[in-house]
């Protein structure tokens, strides 16, 4: 039997496609750009009383970055959740889960429960914010592409897109290439020889292969496939911790139409957003972040603050209860990604999940097997499930390696991040339940315990508690330092012939904790109508009127 190889290199790569024949991939259950557009348009047309479909940007490839706003009433002054997919374009599951969230939410729009939710909550749904790159999943030649249509000189040699992938074995998959070479640092995995791993020199292991992505050195610079089609990775183009001078990140942050369109909308139009939920490789949902005092104490904060970590833990527990996906592989933040920007620069609670990962593989006794390599685990799972996820190693003649044995093979593109279509409905249902539960936990300001009492001749003292009945604070701890996050405003308006003796006409609180309150009091001279309003776009507003005689 021919073997397969997996690459463990930090190159935007190609780890696994779908499990059905290439001829059937257009019907995998995943939505192409045109199908996505048609579905979003249909949703809007069927629900125009509670939806608005807009394009926040036009890509260089001529595609719209769609936004579906869902909610009723004064949507800009109801607590909002931004649900975003496709920032990492090759993570097509994120796009599908985001789209299906909108579909499932709107399918229940006539129920009393959902009506009440949409009357107090706004959802901003961005299913695919890098559509130019996502098309590669649906193209004849499959490889994991994350760069948009901006031409880039990745190897800085003065030429653009001159060294892309080459399908050497003609199977329409770009996989890996292993070259037998004593000077190489790669070897076969001890438990699964189909998997290639770095040799552990400290334990006496010796490498016998060099590993490359499938292709040729077209520009003869000694590098393989380093400057192909596909420019800026939108998930490396956000402003926090921007990775200057790294492939895929552009010259400057927020350089792309897609990034600017999303950020402009969130900053300027969606000030009511209290949480951003994104689907991508980063993960703080199945496993919450840990508090890092050193990182959180820096002048430029690089770690979540302690109170926000507590919220992350609460949300993580809910996520695991709703999805029951088990332990996920490491999902560390990436430089310039959406997940970090939403917390550090937008100041909102930011939650991210891949949405699916390789399930546990159980032995004959039903016990979970242990693996020291994620790719070996995935292959064992695929074998148990009867899924075809790899290309057998096949020897090819390679002009760049004369007189050397060169084999092409490995895990098909997209596989590690893309589950079978037959579980998409259940995945979407559990994630929709999770997001709707988060919406029900939103910060929500209410004026309670109103008291009006005489304080002397023609004087009245009014006292009221501004209560946050949500499970979220009205702002993250980091957001309290951020000018883009609106504070809770409490103001009082007096009728004619009334005057304020003490207390503030307008007062601001940086944040009110979950199930917490602050007390406001005023001393008023005269009689007439008093109107008190409190809240922010992120909490909604509450108003109390009282006539003083």
Protein backbone atom coordinates (compact mmCIF):
# COMPACT_ATOMS: atom_id res chain seq x y z
CA UNK A 1 0.00 0.00 0.00
CA UNK A 2 1.27 3.48 -0.85
CA UNK A 3 1.72 5.87 2.05
CA UNK A 4 0.78 9.47 2.70
CA UNK A 5 2.62 12.35 4.28
CA UNK A 6 1.54 15.27 6.36
CA UNK A 7 3.41 18.51 6.67
CA UNK A 8 3.83 20.22 10.03
CA UNK A 9 5.19 23.48 8.63
CA UNK A 10 3.85 26.94 9.32
CA UNK A 11 3.06 27.58 5.66
CA UNK A 12 -0.52 28.27 4.59
CA UNK A 13 -1.21 24.73 3.68
CA UNK A 14 -3.35 22.30 2.41
CA UNK A 15 -4.26 19.92 5.06
CA UNK A 16 -7.12 18.06 3.84
CA UNK A 17 -10.14 18.25 1.59
CA UNK A 18 -13.50 16.67 1.50
CA UNK A 19 -14.07 13.00 1.50
CA UNK A 20 -15.94 12.39 -1.73
CA UNK A 21 -14.90 12.19 -5.37
CA UNK A 22 -13.84 15.40 -7.06
CA UNK A 23 -16.65 15.10 -9.57
CA UNK A 24 -19.21 15.39 -6.77
CA UNK A 25 -17.62 18.21 -4.81
CA UNK A 26 -20.01 20.86 -6.14
CA UNK A 27 -22.73 19.06 -4.18
CA UNK A 28 -20.90 18.65 -0.90
CA UNK A 29 -23.34 20.77 1.07
CA UNK A 30 -20.94 23.70 1.25
CA UNK A 31 -22.09 26.91 -0.40
CA UNK A 32 -20.18 28.49 -3.27
CA UNK A 33 -20.10 32.27 -3.54
CA UNK A 34 -23.04 32.35 -5.95
CA UNK A 35 -25.03 29.96 -3.76
CA UNK A 36 -24.19 32.03 -0.69
CA UNK A 37 -25.35 35.20 -2.46
CA UNK A 38 -28.60 33.56 -3.56
CA UNK A 39 -29.31 32.22 -0.08
CA UNK A 40 -28.61 35.56 1.60
CA UNK A 41 -30.82 37.34 -0.93
CA UNK A 42 -33.62 34.84 -0.39
CA UNK A 43 -33.40 35.21 3.38
CA UNK A 44 -33.63 38.97 3.09
CA UNK A 45 -36.54 38.88 0.63
CA UNK A 46 -38.51 36.53 2.88
CA UNK A 47 -37.89 38.51 6.08
CA UNK A 48 -37.67 42.16 5.07
CA UNK A 49 -39.48 43.32 8.18
CA UNK A 50 -36.57 42.10 10.34
CA UNK A 51 -33.58 41.87 7.97
CA UNK A 52 -31.42 44.14 5.85
CA UNK A 53 -28.90 42.82 3.33
CA UNK A 54 -26.00 45.12 2.48
CA UNK A 55 -22.54 44.89 0.96
CA UNK A 56 -19.82 46.39 3.15
CA UNK A 57 -17.10 46.08 0.50
CA UNK A 58 -16.39 45.05 -3.06
CA UNK A 59 -13.34 42.83 -3.49
CA UNK A 60 -10.75 43.20 -6.24
CA UNK A 61 -12.30 40.09 -7.71
CA UNK A 62 -15.63 41.91 -7.98
CA UNK A 63 -17.38 40.05 -5.18
CA UNK A 64 -19.53 41.55 -2.42
CA UNK A 65 -18.72 41.10 1.24
CA UNK A 66 -22.25 40.48 2.47
CA UNK A 67 -23.76 41.56 5.77
CA UNK A 68 -27.20 40.48 6.91
CA UNK A 69 -28.53 42.56 9.80
CA UNK A 70 -31.27 40.77 11.76
CA UNK A 71 -33.48 42.37 14.39
CA UNK A 72 -36.66 44.39 14.90
CA UNK A 73 -37.32 47.87 16.21
CA UNK A 74 -34.45 50.24 16.95
CA UNK A 75 -31.74 47.77 15.92
CA UNK A 76 -28.83 50.18 16.50
CA UNK A 77 -29.80 50.62 20.15
CA UNK A 78 -30.27 46.97 21.04
CA UNK A 79 -27.32 44.88 22.30
CA UNK A 80 -25.67 43.32 19.24
CA UNK A 81 -23.67 40.24 18.35
CA UNK A 82 -21.44 40.12 15.27
CA UNK A 83 -21.22 36.59 13.83
CA UNK A 84 -18.36 36.35 11.34
CA UNK A 85 -17.15 33.54 9.11
CA UNK A 86 -14.53 33.19 6.43
CA UNK A 87 -11.81 35.53 7.69
CA UNK A 88 -9.52 32.55 7.06
CA UNK A 89 -10.89 31.73 3.63
CA UNK A 90 -9.82 28.09 3.57
CA UNK A 91 -11.90 27.50 6.71
CA UNK A 92 -15.06 27.09 4.64
CA UNK A 93 -16.90 25.49 7.56
CA UNK A 94 -16.94 28.91 9.22
CA UNK A 95 -18.80 30.38 6.27
CA UNK A 96 -21.29 27.53 6.25
CA UNK A 97 -21.97 27.69 9.99
CA UNK A 98 -22.46 31.45 9.84
CA UNK A 99 -24.84 31.19 6.90
CA UNK A 100 -26.79 28.37 8.51
CA UNK A 101 -27.01 30.31 11.75
CA UNK A 102 -28.90 33.04 9.87
CA UNK A 103 -31.11 30.46 8.18
CA UNK A 104 -31.98 28.63 11.38
CA UNK A 105 -32.54 31.82 13.36
CA UNK A 106 -34.91 33.20 10.73
CA UNK A 107 -36.70 29.87 10.34
CA UNK A 108 -37.97 30.34 13.90
CA UNK A 109 -38.69 34.05 13.55
CA UNK A 110 -42.45 33.52 14.00
CA UNK A 111 -42.10 31.86 17.40
CA UNK A 112 -42.75 33.98 20.47
CA UNK A 113 -39.33 33.20 21.92
CA UNK A 114 -37.44 34.33 18.81
CA UNK A 115 -39.68 37.35 18.31
CA UNK A 116 -38.84 38.51 21.83
CA UNK A 117 -35.12 37.88 21.23
CA UNK A 118 -35.08 39.83 17.96
CA UNK A 119 -37.02 42.68 19.58
CA UNK A 120 -34.17 43.17 22.05
CA UNK A 121 -31.08 41.88 20.21
CA UNK A 122 -29.41 42.70 16.89
CA UNK A 123 -27.37 40.18 14.92
CA UNK A 124 -24.76 41.29 12.38
CA UNK A 125 -24.04 38.26 10.19
CA UNK A 126 -20.95 38.32 7.92
CA UNK A 127 -20.76 34.82 6.43
CA UNK A 128 -17.69 35.26 4.24
CA UNK A 129 -15.30 38.19 4.45
CA UNK A 130 -12.70 36.84 1.99
CA UNK A 131 -14.76 35.46 -0.90
CA UNK A 132 -12.00 35.84 -3.50
CA UNK A 133 -9.85 33.21 -1.79
CA UNK A 134 -12.70 30.89 -0.76
CA UNK A 135 -13.49 30.07 -4.40
CA UNK A 136 -10.48 27.73 -4.47
CA UNK A 137 -12.44 25.07 -2.60
CA UNK A 138 -14.90 24.92 -5.49
CA UNK A 139 -12.31 25.12 -8.28
CA UNK A 140 -11.08 22.13 -10.25
CA UNK A 141 -7.60 22.38 -8.72
CA UNK A 142 -7.92 22.10 -4.94
CA UNK A 143 -5.52 23.80 -2.57
CA UNK A 144 -5.99 25.80 0.60
CA UNK A 145 -5.88 29.40 -0.43
CA UNK A 146 -6.15 32.28 2.07
CA UNK A 147 -4.91 35.18 -0.05
CA UNK A 148 -7.34 37.43 -1.90
CA UNK A 149 -6.98 38.80 -5.46
CA UNK A 150 -4.39 41.44 -4.56
CA UNK A 151 -1.23 40.60 -6.49
CA UNK A 152 1.79 40.39 -4.20
CA UNK A 153 5.49 39.89 -4.62
CA UNK A 154 5.81 37.38 -1.79
CA UNK A 155 9.49 36.66 -2.38
CA UNK A 156 10.32 40.31 -3.12
CA UNK A 157 12.14 39.62 -6.37
CA UNK A 158 10.32 42.22 -8.43
CA UNK A 159 7.94 39.73 -10.04
CA UNK A 160 4.38 38.83 -9.08
CA UNK A 161 2.70 35.41 -8.82
CA UNK A 162 5.46 33.66 -10.78
CA UNK A 163 5.99 30.58 -8.58
CA UNK A 164 2.74 28.89 -7.70
CA UNK A 165 1.79 25.27 -7.14
CA UNK A 166 2.13 22.61 -9.85
CA UNK A 167 -0.08 19.52 -9.95
CA UNK A 168 2.72 17.06 -10.63
CA UNK A 169 0.64 13.86 -10.42
CA UNK A 170 -2.41 15.30 -12.18
CA UNK A 171 -4.96 14.46 -9.48
CA UNK A 172 -6.31 18.03 -9.06
CA UNK A 173 -5.09 18.13 -5.45
CA UNK A 174 -2.06 20.08 -4.29
CA UNK A 175 -0.57 17.97 -1.51
CA UNK A 176 3.05 17.39 -0.46
CA UNK A 177 6.30 16.34 -2.00
CA UNK A 178 8.92 14.27 -0.20
CA UNK A 179 12.45 13.96 -1.52
CA UNK A 180 14.73 11.19 -0.32
CA UNK A 181 17.83 12.94 1.00
CA UNK A 182 20.21 12.01 3.82
CA UNK A 183 20.57 15.69 4.66
CA UNK A 184 16.82 16.06 5.18
CA UNK A 185 15.32 16.54 8.62
CA UNK A 186 12.08 14.60 8.10
CA UNK A 187 11.25 11.00 8.84
CA UNK A 188 8.23 8.70 8.94
CA UNK A 189 6.09 8.72 12.07
CA UNK A 190 6.86 5.71 14.26
CA UNK A 191 3.21 4.64 14.56
CA UNK A 192 1.93 5.64 11.14
CA UNK A 193 4.54 5.68 8.35
CA UNK A 194 2.13 7.61 6.13
CA UNK A 195 2.78 10.66 8.28
CA UNK A 196 5.99 12.64 7.95
CA UNK A 197 7.42 14.34 11.06
CA UNK A 198 10.57 16.19 11.99
CA UNK A 199 13.27 13.83 13.26
CA UNK A 200 14.06 14.22 16.97
CA UNK A 201 17.83 14.64 16.88
CA UNK A 202 18.00 14.91 20.68
CA UNK A 203 16.77 11.31 20.89
CA UNK A 204 19.06 9.98 18.20
CA UNK A 205 16.60 10.14 15.30
CA UNK A 206 17.92 10.92 11.84
CA UNK A 207 16.02 12.48 9.01
CA UNK A 208 15.97 10.97 5.55
CA UNK A 209 13.64 13.24 3.60
CA UNK A 210 13.18 16.85 2.62
CA UNK A 211 9.61 18.10 2.46
CA UNK A 212 8.03 20.64 0.09
CA UNK A 213 4.61 21.57 -1.10
CA UNK A 214 3.78 19.99 -4.44
CA UNK A 215 5.31 21.96 -7.28
CA UNK A 216 8.40 23.18 -9.07
CA UNK A 217 10.88 25.97 -8.53
CA UNK A 218 9.44 27.92 -11.45
CA UNK A 219 11.53 31.05 -10.90
CA UNK A 220 14.70 29.10 -10.09
CA UNK A 221 15.40 30.88 -6.83
CA UNK A 222 15.82 27.75 -4.73
CA UNK A 223 12.34 28.03 -3.18
CA UNK A 224 9.18 26.15 -4.00
CA UNK A 225 5.71 27.66 -4.49
CA UNK A 226 6.53 30.76 -2.47
CA UNK A 227 4.97 33.31 -4.81
CA UNK A 228 1.79 31.97 -6.35
CA UNK A 229 -1.66 33.33 -7.01
CA UNK A 230 -3.37 34.63 -3.91
CA UNK A 231 -2.35 37.81 -2.20
CA UNK A 232 -3.40 39.18 1.18
CA UNK A 233 -4.76 36.91 3.88
CA UNK A 234 -7.61 38.88 5.48
CA UNK A 235 -7.02 37.04 8.75
CA UNK A 236 -3.54 38.60 8.85
CA UNK A 237 -4.68 42.07 7.86
CA UNK A 238 -6.24 43.36 11.08
CA UNK A 239 -4.55 46.05 13.11
CA UNK A 240 -3.67 44.27 16.37
CA UNK A 241 -0.20 42.64 16.42
CA UNK A 242 0.14 43.12 12.68
CA UNK A 243 2.77 40.78 11.15
CA UNK A 244 4.88 43.15 9.10
CA UNK A 245 7.02 41.63 6.33
CA UNK A 246 5.39 38.21 6.54
CA UNK A 247 3.81 36.50 3.51
CA UNK A 248 0.10 37.15 3.29
CA UNK A 249 0.00 40.22 5.54
CA UNK A 250 0.38 43.08 3.02
CA UNK A 251 2.55 46.12 3.59
CA UNK A 252 0.23 47.72 6.16
CA UNK A 253 -2.70 46.69 8.36
CA UNK A 254 -6.26 47.14 7.09
CA UNK A 255 -4.97 47.62 3.57
CA UNK A 256 -7.71 45.59 1.88
CA UNK A 257 -11.24 46.55 0.88
CA UNK A 258 -12.58 43.54 2.76
CA UNK A 259 -10.91 44.43 6.05
CA UNK A 260 -11.74 48.12 5.81
CA UNK A 261 -15.37 47.41 4.97
CA UNK A 262 -15.88 45.17 7.98
CA UNK A 263 -14.02 47.46 10.40
CA UNK A 264 -15.68 50.63 9.16
CA UNK A 265 -19.08 49.10 9.70
CA UNK A 266 -18.30 47.74 13.15
CA UNK A 267 -16.68 50.95 14.34
CA UNK A 268 -19.16 53.39 12.87
CA UNK A 269 -22.49 51.57 12.54
CA UNK A 270 -22.39 48.69 15.01
CA UNK A 271 -21.47 50.46 18.22
CA UNK A 272 -24.10 48.34 19.95
CA UNK A 273 -22.04 45.16 19.50
CA UNK A 274 -21.15 43.62 22.85
CA UNK A 275 -19.62 40.37 21.53
CA UNK A 276 -17.96 39.11 18.36
CA UNK A 277 -18.31 35.40 17.61
CA UNK A 278 -16.06 34.21 14.81
CA UNK A 279 -15.42 30.87 13.17
CA UNK A 280 -11.79 30.17 12.41
CA UNK A 281 -8.66 28.34 13.56
CA UNK A 282 -8.35 30.39 16.76
CA UNK A 283 -10.11 28.82 19.73
CA UNK A 284 -11.08 30.19 23.13
CA UNK A 285 -14.43 28.39 23.34
CA UNK A 286 -13.73 24.69 23.78
CA UNK A 287 -10.80 25.72 25.98
CA UNK A 288 -10.89 29.22 27.52
CA UNK A 289 -7.86 31.47 27.65
CA UNK A 290 -5.67 31.46 30.75
CA UNK A 291 -4.88 34.61 32.69
CA UNK A 292 -1.33 35.84 32.06
CA UNK A 293 -0.52 38.57 34.56
CA UNK A 294 2.62 39.67 32.73
CA UNK A 295 0.90 40.01 29.36
CA UNK A 296 -2.14 41.71 30.91
CA UNK A 297 0.05 44.22 32.75
CA UNK A 298 2.02 45.51 29.76
CA UNK A 299 1.61 49.07 28.59
CA UNK A 300 0.34 47.61 25.33
CA UNK A 301 -1.88 44.88 26.72
CA UNK A 302 -1.28 41.48 25.13
CA UNK A 303 -3.26 39.22 27.48
CA UNK A 304 -6.92 39.15 28.47
CA UNK A 305 -7.68 40.97 31.70
CA UNK A 306 -8.72 38.91 34.72
CA UNK A 307 -12.42 39.81 34.81
CA UNK A 308 -12.73 39.11 31.09
CA UNK A 309 -11.09 35.72 31.56
CA UNK A 310 -13.89 34.89 34.01
CA UNK A 311 -16.47 35.71 31.33
CA UNK A 312 -14.53 33.62 28.82
CA UNK A 313 -14.70 30.64 31.20
CA UNK A 314 -18.46 31.05 31.61
CA UNK A 315 -19.00 31.18 27.85
CA UNK A 316 -16.64 28.25 27.27
CA UNK A 317 -18.62 26.08 29.68
CA UNK A 318 -21.79 26.94 27.81
CA UNK A 319 -20.16 26.18 24.45
CA UNK A 320 -18.98 22.75 25.54
CA UNK A 321 -22.39 21.97 26.96
CA UNK A 322 -24.14 22.94 23.73
CA UNK A 323 -21.74 21.39 21.22
CA UNK A 324 -20.16 18.43 23.03
CA UNK A 325 -17.29 18.32 20.53
CA UNK A 326 -14.65 17.20 23.00
CA UNK A 327 -11.07 18.38 23.35
CA UNK A 328 -9.86 20.48 20.46
CA UNK A 329 -6.32 20.83 19.09
CA UNK A 330 -4.46 23.99 20.02
CA UNK A 331 -6.03 27.09 18.48
CA UNK A 332 -3.51 29.79 19.27
CA UNK A 333 -4.18 33.38 18.14
CA UNK A 334 -2.40 34.49 14.97
CA UNK A 335 -0.75 37.83 14.31
CA UNK A 336 -3.13 40.26 12.63
CA UNK A 337 -6.20 38.07 13.10
CA UNK A 338 -9.84 39.03 13.56
CA UNK A 339 -10.15 37.25 16.91
CA UNK A 340 -7.51 39.37 18.66
CA UNK A 341 -8.54 42.62 16.98
CA UNK A 342 -12.12 42.24 18.25
CA UNK A 343 -10.91 42.16 21.86
CA UNK A 344 -7.80 44.36 21.95
CA UNK A 345 -8.77 47.10 19.47
CA UNK A 346 -12.57 46.90 19.23
CA UNK A 347 -12.85 46.34 22.98
CA UNK A 348 -15.56 43.69 22.78
CA UNK A 349 -15.75 40.17 24.12
CA UNK A 350 -14.29 38.01 21.35
CA UNK A 351 -15.03 34.31 21.01
CA UNK A 352 -13.68 32.05 18.30
CA UNK A 353 -13.99 28.37 17.43
CA UNK A 354 -13.10 26.11 14.50
CA UNK A 355 -16.61 24.65 14.85
CA UNK A 356 -15.34 21.09 14.29
CA UNK A 357 -12.16 19.06 14.63
CA UNK A 358 -11.13 15.43 14.34
CA UNK A 359 -13.29 13.42 16.76
CA UNK A 360 -11.84 10.94 19.23
CA UNK A 361 -10.88 7.56 17.82
CA UNK A 362 -11.99 4.72 20.05
CA UNK A 363 -10.58 1.23 20.37
CA UNK A 364 -12.56 -2.02 20.48
CA UNK A 365 -13.35 -1.43 24.15
CA UNK A 366 -14.76 2.02 23.44
CA UNK A 367 -11.83 3.88 24.99
CA UNK A 368 -10.35 6.93 23.31
CA UNK A 369 -7.00 6.19 21.70
CA UNK A 370 -4.09 8.51 22.39
CA UNK A 371 -2.10 10.11 19.60
CA UNK A 372 1.00 12.30 19.69
CA UNK A 373 0.30 13.69 16.24
CA UNK A 374 -2.92 15.35 15.02
CA UNK A 375 -2.45 14.12 11.47
CA UNK A 376 -2.00 10.52 12.56
CA UNK A 377 -5.18 10.86 14.61
CA UNK A 378 -7.06 12.26 11.64
CA UNK A 379 -5.98 9.40 9.41
CA UNK A 380 -7.03 6.85 12.02
CA UNK A 381 -10.43 8.54 12.31
CA UNK A 382 -10.84 8.67 8.53
CA UNK A 383 -9.99 4.98 8.23
CA UNK A 384 -12.50 4.07 10.93
CA UNK A 385 -15.19 6.18 9.22
CA UNK A 386 -14.41 4.96 5.71
CA UNK A 387 -13.42 8.44 4.52
CA UNK A 388 -10.97 8.95 1.67
CA UNK A 389 -8.86 11.85 2.89
CA UNK A 390 -5.42 11.26 1.42
CA UNK A 391 -3.48 10.81 -1.76
CA UNK A 392 -1.23 7.74 -1.88
CA UNK A 393 2.47 8.48 -2.21
CA UNK A 394 3.37 8.21 -5.90
CA UNK A 395 6.83 8.55 -7.41
CA UNK A 396 7.25 11.27 -10.04
CA UNK A 397 10.08 12.47 -12.24
CA UNK A 398 11.08 15.91 -11.02
CA UNK A 399 13.46 18.09 -13.06
CA UNK A 400 14.53 20.04 -9.98
CA UNK A 401 15.75 16.86 -8.27
CA UNK A 402 17.64 14.81 -10.88
CA UNK A 403 18.73 11.36 -9.76
CA UNK A 404 16.68 11.62 -6.55
CA UNK A 405 13.54 9.77 -5.53
CA UNK A 406 10.62 12.21 -5.38
CA UNK A 407 7.13 11.22 -4.25
CA UNK A 408 3.92 13.21 -4.25
CA UNK A 409 1.08 12.53 -1.83
CA UNK A 410 -0.41 13.42 1.51
CA UNK A 411 -3.58 14.61 3.13
CA UNK A 412 -5.98 16.24 0.71
CA UNK A 413 -6.56 19.97 0.99
CA UNK A 414 -9.18 21.18 3.49
CA UNK A 415 -9.69 17.83 5.22
CA UNK A 416 -8.54 18.73 8.74
CA UNK A 417 -10.97 21.65 8.95
CA UNK A 418 -13.88 20.40 6.86
CA UNK A 419 -16.31 17.81 8.27
CA UNK A 420 -18.54 15.54 6.19
CA UNK A 421 -21.61 17.26 4.80
CA UNK A 422 -23.95 14.89 6.57
CA UNK A 423 -23.16 16.44 9.95
CA UNK A 424 -23.47 20.08 8.89
CA UNK A 425 -27.10 20.32 10.01
CA UNK A 426 -26.36 19.09 13.52
CA UNK A 427 -23.26 21.28 13.81
CA UNK A 428 -25.22 24.31 12.70
CA UNK A 429 -28.06 23.53 15.10
CA UNK A 430 -25.80 23.25 18.14
CA UNK A 431 -23.87 26.42 17.26
CA UNK A 432 -27.10 28.30 16.60
CA UNK A 433 -28.38 27.23 20.01
CA UNK A 434 -25.13 28.46 21.54
CA UNK A 435 -25.26 31.87 19.85
CA UNK A 436 -28.92 32.37 20.76
CA UNK A 437 -28.11 31.47 24.36
CA UNK A 438 -25.34 34.08 24.38
CA UNK A 439 -27.85 36.59 23.05
CA UNK A 440 -30.21 35.81 25.94
CA UNK A 441 -27.34 36.52 28.36
CA UNK A 442 -26.63 39.97 26.93
CA UNK A 443 -26.13 43.01 29.17
CA UNK A 444 -29.51 44.69 29.65
CA UNK A 445 -30.01 47.87 31.65
CA UNK A 446 -33.23 48.40 33.59
CA UNK A 447 -34.31 51.17 35.98
CA UNK A 448 -35.60 49.57 39.19
CA UNK A 449 -36.40 50.49 42.80
CA UNK A 450 -37.62 53.95 41.90
CA UNK A 451 -38.32 56.11 44.97
CA UNK A 452 -39.74 59.59 45.24
CA UNK A 453 -39.87 61.21 48.67
CA UNK A 454 -40.35 64.67 50.09
CA UNK A 455 -37.15 66.36 51.22
CA UNK A 456 -38.68 69.60 52.50
CA UNK A 457 -40.82 72.41 51.20
CA UNK A 458 -41.14 72.09 47.42
CA UNK A 459 -38.18 69.65 47.40
CA UNK A 460 -38.24 66.02 46.24
CA UNK A 461 -35.50 63.40 46.40
CA UNK A 462 -35.59 60.80 43.64
CA UNK A 463 -33.56 57.61 43.85
CA UNK A 464 -33.31 54.78 41.29
CA UNK A 465 -31.07 51.76 40.73
CA UNK A 466 -29.57 51.20 37.28
CA UNK A 467 -29.59 47.41 37.14
CA UNK A 468 -27.82 45.15 34.64
CA UNK A 469 -29.90 41.99 34.47
CA UNK A 470 -27.62 40.26 31.98
CA UNK A 471 -24.94 37.63 32.51
CA UNK A 472 -22.39 39.88 30.77
CA UNK A 473 -21.07 43.13 32.22
CA UNK A 474 -22.09 46.17 30.24
CA UNK A 475 -18.52 46.39 28.89
CA UNK A 476 -15.45 44.20 28.99
CA UNK A 477 -12.73 45.30 31.39
CA UNK A 478 -10.50 46.10 28.43
CA UNK A 479 -13.37 47.86 26.70
CA UNK A 480 -13.64 50.26 29.63
CA UNK A 481 -10.30 51.68 28.47
CA UNK A 482 -11.45 51.95 24.87
CA UNK A 483 -13.04 55.13 23.52
CA UNK A 484 -15.00 53.07 20.99
CA UNK A 485 -16.99 51.37 23.73
CA UNK A 486 -19.89 53.50 24.90
CA UNK A 487 -20.39 53.94 28.63
CA UNK A 488 -23.74 53.56 30.33
CA UNK A 489 -25.32 57.00 30.36
CA UNK A 490 -27.97 58.04 32.87
CA UNK A 491 -29.73 61.36 32.36
CA UNK A 492 -32.64 63.19 33.89
CA UNK A 493 -34.99 65.61 32.16
CA UNK A 494 -37.16 68.00 34.18
CA UNK A 495 -40.37 69.74 33.29
CA UNK A 496 -40.84 73.48 33.19
CA UNK A 497 -40.57 75.32 36.49
CA UNK A 498 -38.37 72.54 37.91
CA UNK A 499 -34.71 72.81 38.86
CA UNK A 500 -31.98 70.37 39.86
CA UNK A 501 -30.49 71.13 43.28
CA UNK A 502 -28.07 68.16 43.45
CA UNK A 503 -27.15 65.21 41.29
CA UNK A 504 -25.99 65.17 37.67
CA UNK A 505 -28.19 65.94 34.69
CA UNK A 506 -26.07 63.42 32.78
CA UNK A 507 -23.83 60.79 34.35
CA UNK A 508 -21.67 57.99 32.92
CA UNK A 509 -20.58 54.60 34.24
CA UNK A 510 -17.74 52.75 32.59
CA UNK A 511 -19.36 49.41 33.28
CA UNK A 512 -21.98 47.74 35.43
CA UNK A 513 -21.23 44.13 36.36
CA UNK A 514 -23.49 41.22 35.52
CA UNK A 515 -26.44 41.14 37.93
CA UNK A 516 -25.09 44.37 39.39
CA UNK A 517 -26.38 47.88 39.85
CA UNK A 518 -25.44 51.47 40.59
CA UNK A 519 -27.64 53.88 42.51
CA UNK A 520 -28.50 57.36 41.23
CA UNK A 521 -30.09 60.11 43.27
CA UNK A 522 -31.25 63.66 42.60
CA UNK A 523 -32.70 66.49 44.66
CA UNK A 524 -35.30 68.45 42.70
CA UNK A 525 -37.17 71.70 43.39
CA UNK A 526 -40.61 72.24 41.90
CA UNK A 527 -43.33 70.06 40.43
CA UNK A 528 -43.94 68.50 37.03
CA UNK A 529 -42.84 65.52 34.95
CA UNK A 530 -39.47 63.87 35.50
CA UNK A 531 -38.01 61.55 32.84
CA UNK A 532 -35.00 59.34 33.62
CA UNK A 533 -33.26 57.39 30.87
CA UNK A 534 -30.33 55.04 31.26
CA UNK A 535 -28.37 52.73 28.98
CA UNK A 536 -26.04 52.50 26.01
CA UNK A 537 -26.28 50.99 22.53
CA UNK A 538 -24.61 47.84 23.97
CA UNK A 539 -27.20 47.45 26.74
CA UNK A 540 -30.37 48.94 25.36
CA UNK A 541 -32.14 51.82 27.08
CA UNK A 542 -34.62 51.97 29.93
CA UNK A 543 -36.85 54.95 30.68
CA UNK A 544 -38.84 55.87 33.77
CA UNK A 545 -41.31 58.77 34.01
CA UNK A 546 -42.80 60.23 37.18
CA UNK A 547 -44.97 63.25 37.85
CA UNK A 548 -44.10 65.18 40.97
CA UNK A 549 -46.95 67.18 42.49
